[in-house]
Every structure is written in structure tokens, then in C-alpha cells.
Amino acid sequence: MADFINDIFENFGEARFTVGRVLDGGDRIVAEVVLTASGKASGVPVGRSVSTIYFFSPHGRVLRQDIFWQGDGWKLALEAAGLSE
């Protein structure tokens, strides 16, 4: 994952991550993160949302992270986490 983030900052200017939505499921949280940037070489603006499930231990540490890139990631993440809006 760290290599992926490094690639973003290497290839895109003004990369910005913002939180779109968050749903608290107690021992798991579903979050939608939106990336906006522009290509360093082309200047073309790009944007992409990604949804993630964070599973927590009883001590509040992240045990696992599942990332949903394809299609309606928010809906897929909610279903995989067993949550609904």
C-alpha cells in the first residue's frame, strides 16, 4: 500500500485525499475516501473514490483493511461489512 501512495505523489501534482462518508459499525468502520489530483506531465485532472472497511480489535487497533476499488465501492463495502445506511 505504501508503494501505491508513493506512486500517486510521484506521478500526480496536488494530490488530495478527503473523506466522503463514514459509517460506524462498532468493531468495523466503512469509509469512503476521495482522491483528487492532476497529472504532473499532462495537467489533466483526475478523481477517484475508494471505499474501505477497517476491522478493529477489542483494543482499538486495526486488524484488517479491505479496499473496494471497482464499481460502487461504497455499496460493496457496506455489504461486505454486513452494514446498511
N, C-alpha and C. Protein backbone atom coordinates (compact mmCIF):
# COMPACT_ATOMS: atom_id res chain seq x y z
N MET A 1 0.83 -1.19 0.00
CA MET A 1 0.00 0.00 0.00
C MET A 1 0.88 1.25 0.00
N ALA A 2 1.97 1.21 0.73
CA ALA A 2 2.84 2.38 0.79
C ALA A 2 3.42 2.71 -0.60
N ASP A 3 3.75 1.68 -1.38
CA ASP A 3 4.26 1.90 -2.74
C ASP A 3 3.21 2.59 -3.60
N PHE A 4 1.95 2.18 -3.45
CA PHE A 4 0.86 2.78 -4.21
C PHE A 4 0.73 4.28 -3.88
N ILE A 5 0.76 4.61 -2.60
CA ILE A 5 0.65 6.01 -2.18
C ILE A 5 1.85 6.81 -2.69
N ASN A 6 3.03 6.24 -2.61
CA ASN A 6 4.23 6.92 -3.14
C ASN A 6 4.09 7.18 -4.63
N ASP A 7 3.55 6.20 -5.38
CA ASP A 7 3.34 6.38 -6.83
C ASP A 7 2.39 7.54 -7.11
N ILE A 8 1.36 7.67 -6.31
CA ILE A 8 0.41 8.78 -6.51
C ILE A 8 1.14 10.11 -6.40
N PHE A 9 1.89 10.30 -5.33
CA PHE A 9 2.57 11.58 -5.13
C PHE A 9 3.70 11.81 -6.12
N GLU A 10 4.27 10.73 -6.65
CA GLU A 10 5.32 10.85 -7.65
C GLU A 10 4.77 11.27 -9.02
N ASN A 11 3.57 10.79 -9.35
CA ASN A 11 3.02 11.00 -10.69
C ASN A 11 1.92 12.06 -10.79
N PHE A 12 1.37 12.46 -9.66
CA PHE A 12 0.29 13.44 -9.69
C PHE A 12 0.63 14.65 -8.84
N GLY A 13 0.31 15.82 -9.36
CA GLY A 13 0.52 17.04 -8.60
C GLY A 13 -0.71 17.37 -7.78
N GLU A 14 -0.49 18.01 -6.67
CA GLU A 14 -1.57 18.47 -5.81
C GLU A 14 -2.54 17.36 -5.43
N ALA A 15 -2.01 16.17 -5.15
CA ALA A 15 -2.86 15.05 -4.74
C ALA A 15 -3.49 15.37 -3.39
N ARG A 16 -4.80 15.14 -3.32
CA ARG A 16 -5.53 15.45 -2.10
C ARG A 16 -6.50 14.32 -1.79
N PHE A 17 -6.48 13.86 -0.56
CA PHE A 17 -7.40 12.83 -0.09
C PHE A 17 -8.39 13.48 0.86
N THR A 18 -9.68 13.27 0.63
CA THR A 18 -10.71 13.77 1.53
C THR A 18 -11.66 12.64 1.89
N VAL A 19 -12.24 12.74 3.05
CA VAL A 19 -13.20 11.73 3.50
C VAL A 19 -14.57 12.10 2.95
N GLY A 20 -15.18 11.15 2.23
CA GLY A 20 -16.51 11.37 1.69
C GLY A 20 -17.59 11.01 2.69
N ARG A 21 -17.62 9.75 3.11
CA ARG A 21 -18.61 9.25 4.06
C ARG A 21 -17.95 8.29 5.02
N VAL A 22 -18.55 8.16 6.21
CA VAL A 22 -18.08 7.20 7.21
C VAL A 22 -19.31 6.60 7.88
N LEU A 23 -19.28 5.28 8.06
CA LEU A 23 -20.35 4.60 8.79
C LEU A 23 -19.71 3.75 9.87
N ASP A 24 -20.07 4.00 11.12
CA ASP A 24 -19.51 3.31 12.27
C ASP A 24 -20.31 2.06 12.56
N GLY A 25 -19.66 0.93 12.49
CA GLY A 25 -20.31 -0.35 12.78
C GLY A 25 -19.80 -0.98 14.06
N GLY A 26 -19.26 -0.18 14.96
CA GLY A 26 -18.74 -0.70 16.24
C GLY A 26 -17.34 -1.24 16.08
N ASP A 27 -17.22 -2.55 15.78
CA ASP A 27 -15.89 -3.15 15.63
C ASP A 27 -15.36 -3.01 14.21
N ARG A 28 -16.10 -2.29 13.37
CA ARG A 28 -15.65 -2.02 11.99
C ARG A 28 -16.22 -0.68 11.54
N ILE A 29 -15.47 -0.04 10.68
CA ILE A 29 -15.87 1.25 10.13
C ILE A 29 -15.74 1.16 8.61
N VAL A 30 -16.73 1.68 7.91
CA VAL A 30 -16.65 1.79 6.45
C VAL A 30 -16.41 3.26 6.14
N ALA A 31 -15.39 3.53 5.34
CA ALA A 31 -15.05 4.91 4.99
C ALA A 31 -14.87 5.03 3.48
N GLU A 32 -15.36 6.13 2.94
CA GLU A 32 -15.15 6.45 1.53
C GLU A 32 -14.13 7.58 1.47
N VAL A 33 -13.07 7.36 0.73
CA VAL A 33 -12.01 8.36 0.57
C VAL A 33 -11.97 8.77 -0.89
N VAL A 34 -11.91 10.07 -1.13
CA VAL A 34 -11.89 10.61 -2.49
C VAL A 34 -10.52 11.21 -2.77
N LEU A 35 -9.90 10.75 -3.87
CA LEU A 35 -8.61 11.28 -4.32
C LEU A 35 -8.88 12.24 -5.47
N THR A 36 -8.36 13.44 -5.37
CA THR A 36 -8.37 14.38 -6.50
C THR A 36 -6.93 14.83 -6.72
N ALA A 37 -6.55 14.94 -7.98
CA ALA A 37 -5.18 15.32 -8.33
C ALA A 37 -5.16 15.74 -9.79
N SER A 38 -3.97 16.05 -10.27
CA SER A 38 -3.77 16.31 -11.70
C SER A 38 -2.46 15.68 -12.11
N GLY A 39 -2.43 15.19 -13.35
CA GLY A 39 -1.21 14.55 -13.85
C GLY A 39 -0.07 15.55 -13.90
N LYS A 40 1.10 15.16 -13.39
CA LYS A 40 2.26 16.08 -13.41
C LYS A 40 2.67 16.43 -14.83
N ALA A 41 2.67 15.46 -15.72
CA ALA A 41 3.11 15.71 -17.09
C ALA A 41 2.01 16.36 -17.93
N SER A 42 0.77 15.89 -17.80
CA SER A 42 -0.31 16.35 -18.67
C SER A 42 -1.13 17.48 -18.08
N GLY A 43 -1.18 17.56 -16.75
CA GLY A 43 -2.04 18.55 -16.11
C GLY A 43 -3.50 18.16 -16.09
N VAL A 44 -3.84 16.98 -16.60
CA VAL A 44 -5.23 16.51 -16.66
C VAL A 44 -5.72 16.19 -15.24
N PRO A 45 -6.87 16.76 -14.86
CA PRO A 45 -7.41 16.45 -13.53
C PRO A 45 -7.98 15.03 -13.47
N VAL A 46 -7.79 14.40 -12.33
CA VAL A 46 -8.32 13.06 -12.11
C VAL A 46 -9.00 13.02 -10.74
N GLY A 47 -9.93 12.10 -10.60
CA GLY A 47 -10.61 11.91 -9.33
C GLY A 47 -11.09 10.48 -9.22
N ARG A 48 -11.08 9.95 -8.02
CA ARG A 48 -11.47 8.56 -7.81
C ARG A 48 -11.87 8.38 -6.36
N SER A 49 -12.98 7.70 -6.13
CA SER A 49 -13.34 7.38 -4.76
C SER A 49 -13.06 5.91 -4.51
N VAL A 50 -12.66 5.61 -3.29
CA VAL A 50 -12.34 4.26 -2.85
C VAL A 50 -13.01 4.06 -1.51
N SER A 51 -13.61 2.90 -1.32
CA SER A 51 -14.23 2.61 -0.03
C SER A 51 -13.44 1.52 0.68
N THR A 52 -13.34 1.65 1.98
CA THR A 52 -12.51 0.76 2.78
C THR A 52 -13.27 0.34 4.04
N ILE A 53 -13.08 -0.92 4.41
CA ILE A 53 -13.57 -1.39 5.71
C ILE A 53 -12.35 -1.53 6.62
N TYR A 54 -12.41 -0.94 7.78
CA TYR A 54 -11.39 -1.11 8.81
C TYR A 54 -11.99 -1.98 9.91
N PHE A 55 -11.38 -3.13 10.17
CA PHE A 55 -11.82 -4.03 11.24
C PHE A 55 -10.92 -3.79 12.45
N PHE A 56 -11.52 -3.61 13.63
CA PHE A 56 -10.76 -3.27 14.83
C PHE A 56 -10.74 -4.40 15.85
N SER A 57 -9.63 -4.47 16.59
CA SER A 57 -9.51 -5.41 17.71
C SER A 57 -10.27 -4.82 18.90
N PRO A 58 -10.47 -5.61 19.95
CA PRO A 58 -11.09 -5.08 21.17
C PRO A 58 -10.29 -3.94 21.79
N HIS A 59 -9.01 -3.83 21.43
CA HIS A 59 -8.15 -2.77 21.96
C HIS A 59 -8.10 -1.54 21.06
N GLY A 60 -8.90 -1.56 19.98
CA GLY A 60 -8.98 -0.39 19.11
C GLY A 60 -7.92 -0.32 18.01
N ARG A 61 -7.18 -1.39 17.81
CA ARG A 61 -6.18 -1.42 16.74
C ARG A 61 -6.77 -2.00 15.47
N VAL A 62 -6.30 -1.52 14.33
CA VAL A 62 -6.78 -2.05 13.06
C VAL A 62 -6.23 -3.45 12.86
N LEU A 63 -7.14 -4.42 12.73
CA LEU A 63 -6.75 -5.81 12.48
C LEU A 63 -6.63 -6.10 10.99
N ARG A 64 -7.53 -5.48 10.22
CA ARG A 64 -7.58 -5.77 8.79
C ARG A 64 -8.19 -4.58 8.07
N GLN A 65 -7.78 -4.41 6.82
CA GLN A 65 -8.33 -3.35 5.97
C GLN A 65 -8.68 -3.98 4.63
N ASP A 66 -9.94 -3.87 4.23
CA ASP A 66 -10.39 -4.35 2.91
C ASP A 66 -10.72 -3.13 2.07
N ILE A 67 -10.17 -3.07 0.85
CA ILE A 67 -10.34 -1.91 -0.03
C ILE A 67 -11.18 -2.31 -1.23
N PHE A 68 -12.14 -1.46 -1.58
CA PHE A 68 -13.05 -1.70 -2.69
C PHE A 68 -12.86 -0.61 -3.73
N TRP A 69 -12.21 -0.96 -4.87
CA TRP A 69 -11.87 -0.02 -5.93
C TRP A 69 -12.89 -0.01 -7.06
N GLN A 70 -13.49 -1.16 -7.31
CA GLN A 70 -14.32 -1.33 -8.51
C GLN A 70 -15.78 -0.97 -8.28
N GLY A 71 -16.46 -0.53 -9.34
CA GLY A 71 -17.89 -0.29 -9.31
C GLY A 71 -18.31 0.64 -8.20
N ASP A 72 -19.44 0.33 -7.57
CA ASP A 72 -19.93 1.12 -6.44
C ASP A 72 -19.26 0.61 -5.18
N GLY A 73 -18.05 1.07 -4.93
CA GLY A 73 -17.26 0.61 -3.79
C GLY A 73 -17.95 0.79 -2.46
N TRP A 74 -18.69 1.89 -2.30
CA TRP A 74 -19.40 2.15 -1.04
C TRP A 74 -20.41 1.04 -0.77
N LYS A 75 -21.22 0.72 -1.77
CA LYS A 75 -22.23 -0.33 -1.61
C LYS A 75 -21.57 -1.69 -1.35
N LEU A 76 -20.53 -2.00 -2.10
CA LEU A 76 -19.83 -3.27 -1.92
C LEU A 76 -19.21 -3.37 -0.52
N ALA A 77 -18.62 -2.28 -0.05
CA ALA A 77 -18.00 -2.28 1.28
C ALA A 77 -19.06 -2.45 2.37
N LEU A 78 -20.19 -1.76 2.24
CA LEU A 78 -21.26 -1.92 3.22
C LEU A 78 -21.74 -3.37 3.29
N GLU A 79 -21.95 -3.96 2.12
CA GLU A 79 -22.40 -5.36 2.07
C GLU A 79 -21.38 -6.29 2.71
N ALA A 80 -20.10 -6.11 2.37
CA ALA A 80 -19.04 -6.97 2.92
C ALA A 80 -18.90 -6.80 4.42
N ALA A 81 -19.20 -5.61 4.93
CA ALA A 81 -19.10 -5.35 6.37
C ALA A 81 -20.37 -5.77 7.11
N GLY A 82 -21.40 -6.15 6.35
CA GLY A 82 -22.67 -6.52 6.98
C GLY A 82 -23.41 -5.32 7.55
N LEU A 83 -23.25 -4.15 6.91
CA LEU A 83 -23.89 -2.91 7.38
C LEU A 83 -24.81 -2.35 6.30
N SER A 84 -25.67 -1.45 6.71
CA SER A 84 -26.50 -0.71 5.77
C SER A 84 -26.60 0.73 6.24
N GLU A 85 -26.97 1.59 5.31
CA GLU A 85 -27.06 3.02 5.66
C GLU A 85 -28.30 3.30 6.49
